[in-house]
Amino acid sequence: MRRICTIYRSAKHEGMYLYVDKAEDTERVPEVLLKRFGQPERAMTLLLEEGKKLARADVKDVLQAIDENGFYLQLPPQPEAPLSPREDR
């Protein structure tokens, strides 16, 4: 499967991205999500196909979500938990 996607970055949440089919744009994205996402800022347009690597998402998952839901939402990475102090006994 392959698809030309537009990728938007969130104006409200750093590290949050929305992947949509270029032809459909945000037509199938629920209004409530768009409100929470904020004004979409176009980051890039990209041809996605199985076998292609993305930095923080699996292309298969992205393509499947766009096919089924009309979008894929990439959330910001979670901060690493601090290491707990070592207990000496």
N, C-alpha and C. Protein backbone atom coordinates (compact mmCIF):
# COMPACT_ATOMS: atom_id res chain seq x y z
N MET A 1 0.84 -1.17 0.00
CA MET A 1 0.00 0.00 0.00
C MET A 1 0.89 1.24 0.00
N ARG A 2 0.47 2.24 -0.71
CA ARG A 2 1.20 3.52 -0.74
C ARG A 2 0.20 4.65 -0.83
N ARG A 3 0.60 5.79 -0.32
CA ARG A 3 -0.32 6.91 -0.25
C ARG A 3 0.50 8.20 -0.12
N ILE A 4 0.05 9.25 -0.79
CA ILE A 4 0.67 10.56 -0.62
C ILE A 4 -0.02 11.22 0.56
N CYS A 5 0.76 11.61 1.54
CA CYS A 5 0.22 12.16 2.79
C CYS A 5 0.70 13.58 3.02
N THR A 6 -0.16 14.35 3.63
CA THR A 6 0.23 15.66 4.14
C THR A 6 0.40 15.49 5.64
N ILE A 7 1.47 16.04 6.15
CA ILE A 7 1.76 15.95 7.58
C ILE A 7 1.71 17.35 8.15
N TYR A 8 0.88 17.50 9.19
CA TYR A 8 0.73 18.79 9.86
C TYR A 8 1.33 18.71 11.25
N ARG A 9 1.92 19.82 11.69
CA ARG A 9 2.38 19.92 13.08
C ARG A 9 1.36 20.74 13.84
N SER A 10 1.21 20.45 15.11
CA SER A 10 0.26 21.15 15.96
C SER A 10 0.84 22.49 16.39
N ALA A 11 0.01 23.54 16.35
CA ALA A 11 0.42 24.85 16.84
C ALA A 11 0.34 24.90 18.36
N LYS A 12 -0.42 23.99 18.95
CA LYS A 12 -0.62 23.99 20.41
C LYS A 12 0.30 23.05 21.16
N HIS A 13 0.65 21.93 20.54
CA HIS A 13 1.38 20.87 21.25
C HIS A 13 2.66 20.51 20.50
N GLU A 14 3.79 20.86 21.07
CA GLU A 14 5.06 20.55 20.44
C GLU A 14 5.24 19.04 20.30
N GLY A 15 5.65 18.60 19.14
CA GLY A 15 5.90 17.18 18.91
C GLY A 15 4.68 16.39 18.48
N MET A 16 3.53 17.04 18.34
CA MET A 16 2.30 16.36 17.91
C MET A 16 2.12 16.61 16.40
N TYR A 17 1.89 15.52 15.66
CA TYR A 17 1.75 15.61 14.21
C TYR A 17 0.50 14.85 13.76
N LEU A 18 -0.11 15.34 12.70
CA LEU A 18 -1.31 14.74 12.13
C LEU A 18 -1.01 14.36 10.69
N TYR A 19 -1.15 13.07 10.37
CA TYR A 19 -0.93 12.56 9.02
C TYR A 19 -2.30 12.35 8.37
N VAL A 20 -2.49 12.88 7.16
CA VAL A 20 -3.74 12.69 6.43
C VAL A 20 -3.43 12.40 4.96
N ASP A 21 -4.39 11.80 4.28
CA ASP A 21 -4.28 11.59 2.84
C ASP A 21 -4.29 12.96 2.17
N LYS A 22 -3.36 13.19 1.25
CA LYS A 22 -3.25 14.50 0.61
C LYS A 22 -4.54 14.90 -0.10
N ALA A 23 -5.19 13.96 -0.76
CA ALA A 23 -6.41 14.27 -1.52
C ALA A 23 -7.59 14.62 -0.60
N GLU A 24 -7.66 13.96 0.55
CA GLU A 24 -8.78 14.19 1.48
C GLU A 24 -8.48 15.33 2.45
N ASP A 25 -7.22 15.60 2.69
CA ASP A 25 -6.76 16.58 3.66
C ASP A 25 -7.40 16.27 5.02
N THR A 26 -7.99 17.22 5.70
CA THR A 26 -8.53 16.99 7.05
C THR A 26 -10.04 16.72 7.04
N GLU A 27 -10.61 16.39 5.89
CA GLU A 27 -12.06 16.15 5.77
C GLU A 27 -12.58 15.11 6.76
N ARG A 28 -11.82 14.04 6.98
CA ARG A 28 -12.29 12.93 7.83
C ARG A 28 -11.81 13.04 9.28
N VAL A 29 -11.08 14.09 9.61
CA VAL A 29 -10.59 14.27 10.98
C VAL A 29 -11.72 14.85 11.81
N PRO A 30 -12.04 14.23 12.94
CA PRO A 30 -13.12 14.74 13.78
C PRO A 30 -12.86 16.19 14.24
N GLU A 31 -13.91 16.99 14.25
CA GLU A 31 -13.80 18.40 14.63
C GLU A 31 -13.21 18.56 16.03
N VAL A 32 -13.60 17.69 16.95
CA VAL A 32 -13.09 17.77 18.32
C VAL A 32 -11.57 17.59 18.35
N LEU A 33 -11.03 16.72 17.51
CA LEU A 33 -9.58 16.53 17.44
C LEU A 33 -8.91 17.76 16.86
N LEU A 34 -9.49 18.33 15.81
CA LEU A 34 -8.91 19.52 15.20
C LEU A 34 -8.88 20.69 16.19
N LYS A 35 -9.91 20.81 17.03
CA LYS A 35 -9.92 21.88 18.03
C LYS A 35 -8.80 21.67 19.04
N ARG A 36 -8.64 20.45 19.49
CA ARG A 36 -7.58 20.15 20.46
C ARG A 36 -6.19 20.28 19.83
N PHE A 37 -6.07 19.89 18.58
CA PHE A 37 -4.80 19.94 17.86
C PHE A 37 -4.34 21.37 17.64
N GLY A 38 -5.30 22.26 17.42
CA GLY A 38 -4.96 23.65 17.11
C GLY A 38 -4.83 23.85 15.62
N GLN A 39 -4.49 25.04 15.23
CA GLN A 39 -4.34 25.37 13.80
C GLN A 39 -3.25 24.49 13.20
N PRO A 40 -3.61 23.61 12.25
CA PRO A 40 -2.60 22.75 11.63
C PRO A 40 -1.60 23.58 10.81
N GLU A 41 -0.33 23.30 11.01
CA GLU A 41 0.73 23.94 10.23
C GLU A 41 1.37 22.87 9.35
N ARG A 42 1.31 23.07 8.04
CA ARG A 42 1.83 22.06 7.11
C ARG A 42 3.34 21.89 7.34
N ALA A 43 3.73 20.66 7.65
CA ALA A 43 5.15 20.34 7.86
C ALA A 43 5.77 19.83 6.56
N MET A 44 5.05 18.90 5.89
CA MET A 44 5.56 18.34 4.64
C MET A 44 4.51 17.48 3.95
N THR A 45 4.79 17.16 2.71
CA THR A 45 4.00 16.20 1.95
C THR A 45 4.97 15.07 1.60
N LEU A 46 4.50 13.84 1.79
CA LEU A 46 5.41 12.70 1.70
C LEU A 46 4.70 11.50 1.09
N LEU A 47 5.39 10.75 0.25
CA LEU A 47 4.88 9.48 -0.25
C LEU A 47 5.21 8.42 0.79
N LEU A 48 4.18 7.83 1.37
CA LEU A 48 4.38 6.75 2.34
C LEU A 48 4.08 5.42 1.68
N GLU A 49 4.97 4.48 1.89
CA GLU A 49 4.76 3.12 1.39
C GLU A 49 5.46 2.16 2.33
N GLU A 50 4.92 0.95 2.39
CA GLU A 50 5.50 -0.06 3.26
C GLU A 50 6.98 -0.22 2.95
N GLY A 51 7.77 -0.35 3.98
CA GLY A 51 9.21 -0.45 3.82
C GLY A 51 9.91 0.87 4.07
N LYS A 52 9.19 1.98 3.98
CA LYS A 52 9.78 3.28 4.25
C LYS A 52 9.90 3.46 5.76
N LYS A 53 10.92 4.15 6.21
CA LYS A 53 11.15 4.36 7.64
C LYS A 53 10.71 5.76 8.02
N LEU A 54 10.05 5.85 9.17
CA LEU A 54 9.71 7.12 9.78
C LEU A 54 10.42 7.18 11.13
N ALA A 55 10.70 8.38 11.60
CA ALA A 55 11.46 8.53 12.85
C ALA A 55 10.73 7.97 14.06
N ARG A 56 9.41 8.26 14.20
CA ARG A 56 8.73 7.88 15.42
C ARG A 56 7.42 7.14 15.19
N ALA A 57 7.22 6.62 14.00
CA ALA A 57 5.98 5.89 13.72
C ALA A 57 6.28 4.76 12.75
N ASP A 58 5.47 3.73 12.81
CA ASP A 58 5.56 2.61 11.89
C ASP A 58 4.68 2.92 10.67
N VAL A 59 5.26 2.88 9.50
CA VAL A 59 4.53 3.25 8.28
C VAL A 59 3.27 2.41 8.10
N LYS A 60 3.35 1.11 8.42
CA LYS A 60 2.16 0.25 8.31
C LYS A 60 1.03 0.77 9.18
N ASP A 61 1.35 1.15 10.42
CA ASP A 61 0.33 1.67 11.34
C ASP A 61 -0.26 2.98 10.82
N VAL A 62 0.59 3.85 10.29
CA VAL A 62 0.14 5.13 9.76
C VAL A 62 -0.81 4.91 8.59
N LEU A 63 -0.41 4.07 7.64
CA LEU A 63 -1.24 3.82 6.46
C LEU A 63 -2.57 3.17 6.84
N GLN A 64 -2.53 2.23 7.77
CA GLN A 64 -3.75 1.56 8.20
C GLN A 64 -4.70 2.54 8.89
N ALA A 65 -4.17 3.40 9.76
CA ALA A 65 -5.00 4.38 10.46
C ALA A 65 -5.63 5.37 9.48
N ILE A 66 -4.87 5.81 8.50
CA ILE A 66 -5.42 6.75 7.51
C ILE A 66 -6.51 6.06 6.70
N ASP A 67 -6.27 4.80 6.33
CA ASP A 67 -7.26 4.06 5.57
C ASP A 67 -8.56 3.88 6.36
N GLU A 68 -8.44 3.50 7.63
CA GLU A 68 -9.62 3.22 8.45
C GLU A 68 -10.28 4.48 9.03
N ASN A 69 -9.48 5.44 9.47
CA ASN A 69 -10.01 6.59 10.20
C ASN A 69 -9.90 7.93 9.48
N GLY A 70 -9.07 7.98 8.45
CA GLY A 70 -8.86 9.23 7.73
C GLY A 70 -7.71 10.06 8.26
N PHE A 71 -7.02 9.57 9.31
CA PHE A 71 -5.89 10.30 9.88
C PHE A 71 -5.07 9.38 10.77
N TYR A 72 -3.86 9.83 11.06
CA TYR A 72 -3.01 9.20 12.06
C TYR A 72 -2.47 10.32 12.93
N LEU A 73 -2.63 10.21 14.24
CA LEU A 73 -2.14 11.22 15.17
C LEU A 73 -0.88 10.71 15.84
N GLN A 74 0.21 11.43 15.65
CA GLN A 74 1.48 11.09 16.30
C GLN A 74 1.63 11.99 17.52
N LEU A 75 1.67 11.38 18.68
CA LEU A 75 1.78 12.13 19.93
C LEU A 75 3.23 12.45 20.24
N PRO A 76 3.47 13.49 21.05
CA PRO A 76 4.85 13.81 21.42
C PRO A 76 5.47 12.66 22.20
N PRO A 77 6.78 12.52 22.14
CA PRO A 77 7.42 11.46 22.91
C PRO A 77 7.25 11.73 24.41
N GLN A 78 7.11 10.67 25.16
CA GLN A 78 6.98 10.80 26.61
C GLN A 78 8.36 11.07 27.21
N PRO A 79 8.42 11.97 28.19
CA PRO A 79 9.72 12.21 28.83
C PRO A 79 10.17 10.94 29.55
N GLU A 80 11.46 10.74 29.56
CA GLU A 80 11.99 9.56 30.24
C GLU A 80 11.80 9.71 31.74
N ALA A 81 11.43 8.63 32.38
CA ALA A 81 11.26 8.64 33.83
C ALA A 81 12.64 8.74 34.48
N PRO A 82 12.74 9.53 35.52
CA PRO A 82 14.04 9.62 36.20
C PRO A 82 14.40 8.27 36.84
N LEU A 83 15.66 8.01 36.88
CA LEU A 83 16.11 6.76 37.51
C LEU A 83 15.88 6.86 39.01
N SER A 84 15.38 5.79 39.58
CA SER A 84 15.18 5.80 41.03
C SER A 84 16.53 5.58 41.72
N PRO A 85 16.72 6.22 42.87
CA PRO A 85 18.01 6.06 43.56
C PRO A 85 18.23 4.59 43.94
N ARG A 86 19.43 4.19 43.85
CA ARG A 86 19.77 2.81 44.18
C ARG A 86 19.81 2.64 45.69
N GLU A 87 19.19 1.62 46.12
CA GLU A 87 19.15 1.36 47.57
C GLU A 87 20.27 0.37 47.92
N ASP A 88 21.16 0.82 48.76
CA ASP A 88 22.23 -0.07 49.24
C ASP A 88 21.78 -0.73 50.52
N ARG A 89 22.00 -2.02 50.64
CA ARG A 89 21.59 -2.75 51.87
C ARG A 89 22.75 -3.41 52.49
